[in-house]
Amino acid sequence: MADNQTHPGYIENKEQVKNRLRRISGQIGGIERMVDEERYCIDILTQISAAQAAIDKVALALLDEHTRHCVVGAGSAAEREAKTEEMMDAVGRLLKSR
């Protein structure tokens, strides 16, 4: 890995992350079917909102793992600062997409 970590912080929850992503993929497929079936716009928008919330939940879980594993576990103050800055940049990108 580029940051010399032996493994990502979410490694112990990898299957949970993958399961959540599979459910989100299923939600997206369901939204596509709703469009094919010409369902009511508000119903489709409600499902889009639910899918976005599910993606946000995965993102927050990954940020939590990054904080606990990479930031707190950093070897030096300078490394901790760099990891914190990296994390805050990621948070900024997540918020910007809203």
C-alpha atoms as a PDB file:
ATOM      1  CA  MET A   1       0.000   0.000   0.000  1.00  0.00           C
ATOM      2  CA  ALA A   2       1.173   3.514  -0.750  1.00  0.00           C
ATOM      3  CA  ASP A   3       0.998   4.733   2.852  1.00  0.00           C
ATOM      4  CA  ASN A   4       2.993   1.782   4.234  1.00  0.00           C
ATOM      5  CA  GLN A   5       0.003   0.471   6.204  1.00  0.00           C
ATOM      6  CA  THR A   6      -0.107  -3.293   6.424  1.00  0.00           C
ATOM      7  CA  HIS A   7      -3.848  -3.259   5.711  1.00  0.00           C
ATOM      8  CA  PRO A   8      -6.734  -0.780   5.509  1.00  0.00           C
ATOM      9  CA  GLY A   9      -8.548   0.144   8.713  1.00  0.00           C
ATOM     10  CA  TYR A  10     -11.788  -1.487   7.591  1.00  0.00           C
ATOM     11  CA  ILE A  11     -10.163  -4.902   7.021  1.00  0.00           C
ATOM     12  CA  GLU A  12     -11.879  -6.460  10.041  1.00  0.00           C
ATOM     13  CA  ASN A  13     -15.263  -5.240   8.754  1.00  0.00           C
ATOM     14  CA  LYS A  14     -14.564  -5.866   5.077  1.00  0.00           C
ATOM     15  CA  GLU A  15     -17.432  -8.335   4.641  1.00  0.00           C
ATOM     16  CA  GLN A  16     -19.876  -5.931   6.300  1.00  0.00           C
ATOM     17  CA  VAL A  17     -18.757  -3.145   3.947  1.00  0.00           C
ATOM     18  CA  LYS A  18     -19.106  -5.427   0.939  1.00  0.00           C
ATOM     19  CA  ASN A  19     -22.572  -6.559   2.075  1.00  0.00           C
ATOM     20  CA  ARG A  20     -23.709  -2.953   2.466  1.00  0.00           C
ATOM     21  CA  LEU A  21     -22.399  -2.131  -1.004  1.00  0.00           C
ATOM     22  CA  ARG A  22     -24.237  -5.138  -2.455  1.00  0.00           C
ATOM     23  CA  ARG A  23     -27.478  -3.957  -0.840  1.00  0.00           C
ATOM     24  CA  ILE A  24     -26.918  -0.485  -2.295  1.00  0.00           C
ATOM     25  CA  SER A  25     -26.322  -2.038  -5.702  1.00  0.00           C
ATOM     26  CA  GLY A  26     -29.636  -3.838  -5.299  1.00  0.00           C
ATOM     27  CA  GLN A  27     -31.318  -0.562  -4.387  1.00  0.00           C
ATOM     28  CA  ILE A  28     -29.940   1.041  -7.541  1.00  0.00           C
ATOM     29  CA  GLY A  29     -31.224  -1.881  -9.603  1.00  0.00           C
ATOM     30  CA  GLY A  30     -34.616  -1.418  -7.961  1.00  0.00           C
ATOM     31  CA  ILE A  31     -34.616   2.253  -8.912  1.00  0.00           C
ATOM     32  CA  GLU A  32     -33.812   1.331 -12.503  1.00  0.00           C
ATOM     33  CA  ARG A  33     -36.740  -1.117 -12.499  1.00  0.00           C
ATOM     34  CA  MET A  34     -38.998   1.602 -11.118  1.00  0.00           C
ATOM     35  CA  VAL A  35     -38.051   3.826 -14.061  1.00  0.00           C
ATOM     36  CA  ASP A  36     -38.675   0.951 -16.487  1.00  0.00           C
ATOM     37  CA  GLU A  37     -42.085   0.466 -14.889  1.00  0.00           C
ATOM     38  CA  GLU A  38     -42.760   4.225 -15.161  1.00  0.00           C
ATOM     39  CA  ARG A  39     -43.439   4.536 -11.444  1.00  0.00           C
ATOM     40  CA  TYR A  40     -44.447   7.780  -9.784  1.00  0.00           C
ATOM     41  CA  CYS A  41     -41.589  10.326  -9.694  1.00  0.00           C
ATOM     42  CA  ILE A  42     -41.835  10.935  -5.956  1.00  0.00           C
ATOM     43  CA  ASP A  43     -41.542   7.205  -5.241  1.00  0.00           C
ATOM     44  CA  ILE A  44     -38.374   7.055  -7.353  1.00  0.00           C
ATOM     45  CA  LEU A  45     -36.944  10.136  -5.635  1.00  0.00           C
ATOM     46  CA  THR A  46     -37.676   8.551  -2.249  1.00  0.00           C
ATOM     47  CA  GLN A  47     -35.678   5.475  -3.246  1.00  0.00           C
ATOM     48  CA  ILE A  48     -32.830   7.628  -4.568  1.00  0.00           C
ATOM     49  CA  SER A  49     -32.732   9.406  -1.213  1.00  0.00           C
ATOM     50  CA  ALA A  50     -32.582   6.051   0.597  1.00  0.00           C
ATOM     51  CA  ALA A  51     -29.708   4.890  -1.642  1.00  0.00           C
ATOM     52  CA  GLN A  52     -27.804   8.131  -1.023  1.00  0.00           C
ATOM     53  CA  ALA A  53     -28.296   7.711   2.734  1.00  0.00           C
ATOM     54  CA  ALA A  54     -26.973   4.154   2.526  1.00  0.00           C
ATOM     55  CA  ILE A  55     -23.883   5.321   0.621  1.00  0.00           C
ATOM     56  CA  ASP A  56     -23.342   8.058   3.205  1.00  0.00           C
ATOM     57  CA  LYS A  57     -23.530   5.472   5.975  1.00  0.00           C
ATOM     58  CA  VAL A  58     -20.801   3.407   4.301  1.00  0.00           C
ATOM     59  CA  ALA A  59     -18.677   6.548   3.840  1.00  0.00           C
ATOM     60  CA  LEU A  60     -19.038   7.479   7.521  1.00  0.00           C
ATOM     61  CA  ALA A  61     -18.106   3.961   8.597  1.00  0.00           C
ATOM     62  CA  LEU A  62     -14.975   4.115   6.429  1.00  0.00           C
ATOM     63  CA  LEU A  63     -14.076   7.526   7.844  1.00  0.00           C
ATOM     64  CA  ASP A  64     -14.517   6.156  11.352  1.00  0.00           C
ATOM     65  CA  GLU A  65     -12.229   3.222  10.598  1.00  0.00           C
ATOM     66  CA  HIS A  66      -9.689   5.551   8.977  1.00  0.00           C
ATOM     67  CA  THR A  67      -9.713   7.774  12.054  1.00  0.00           C
ATOM     68  CA  ARG A  68      -9.274   4.895  14.487  1.00  0.00           C
ATOM     69  CA  HIS A  69      -6.737   2.928  12.443  1.00  0.00           C
ATOM     70  CA  CYS A  70      -4.749   5.364  10.327  1.00  0.00           C
ATOM     71  CA  VAL A  71      -4.936   8.686  12.175  1.00  0.00           C
ATOM     72  CA  VAL A  72      -4.783   7.511  15.774  1.00  0.00           C
ATOM     73  CA  GLY A  73      -2.378   4.721  14.861  1.00  0.00           C
ATOM     74  CA  ALA A  74       0.036   7.001  13.027  1.00  0.00           C
ATOM     75  CA  GLY A  75       3.621   6.653  14.204  1.00  0.00           C
ATOM     76  CA  SER A  76       4.516  10.315  14.598  1.00  0.00           C
ATOM     77  CA  ALA A  77       2.828  13.661  15.115  1.00  0.00           C
ATOM     78  CA  ALA A  78       3.727  14.666  11.558  1.00  0.00           C
ATOM     79  CA  GLU A  79       2.232  11.474  10.155  1.00  0.00           C
ATOM     80  CA  ARG A  80      -0.891  11.949  12.314  1.00  0.00           C
ATOM     81  CA  GLU A  81      -1.214  15.510  10.979  1.00  0.00           C
ATOM     82  CA  ALA A  82      -0.861  14.298   7.377  1.00  0.00           C
ATOM     83  CA  LYS A  83      -3.470  11.566   7.929  1.00  0.00           C
ATOM     84  CA  THR A  84      -5.835  14.053   9.552  1.00  0.00           C
ATOM     85  CA  GLU A  85      -5.447  16.451   6.631  1.00  0.00           C
ATOM     86  CA  GLU A  86      -6.045  13.601   4.189  1.00  0.00           C
ATOM     87  CA  MET A  87      -9.192  12.639   6.101  1.00  0.00           C
ATOM     88  CA  MET A  88     -10.512  16.193   6.195  1.00  0.00           C
ATOM     89  CA  ASP A  89      -9.959  16.506   2.438  1.00  0.00           C
ATOM     90  CA  ALA A  90     -12.056  13.364   1.980  1.00  0.00           C
ATOM     91  CA  VAL A  91     -14.780  14.800   4.226  1.00  0.00           C
ATOM     92  CA  GLY A  92     -14.702  17.990   2.169  1.00  0.00           C
ATOM     93  CA  ARG A  93     -15.177  16.008  -1.047  1.00  0.00           C
ATOM     94  CA  LEU A  94     -18.086  14.099   0.476  1.00  0.00           C
ATOM     95  CA  LEU A  95     -19.786  17.304   1.599  1.00  0.00           C
ATOM     96  CA  LYS A  96     -19.090  19.049  -1.692  1.00  0.00           C
ATOM     97  CA  SER A  97     -20.952  16.328  -3.567  1.00  0.00           C
ATOM     98  CA  ARG A  98     -24.129  17.320  -1.738  1.00  0.00           C
END
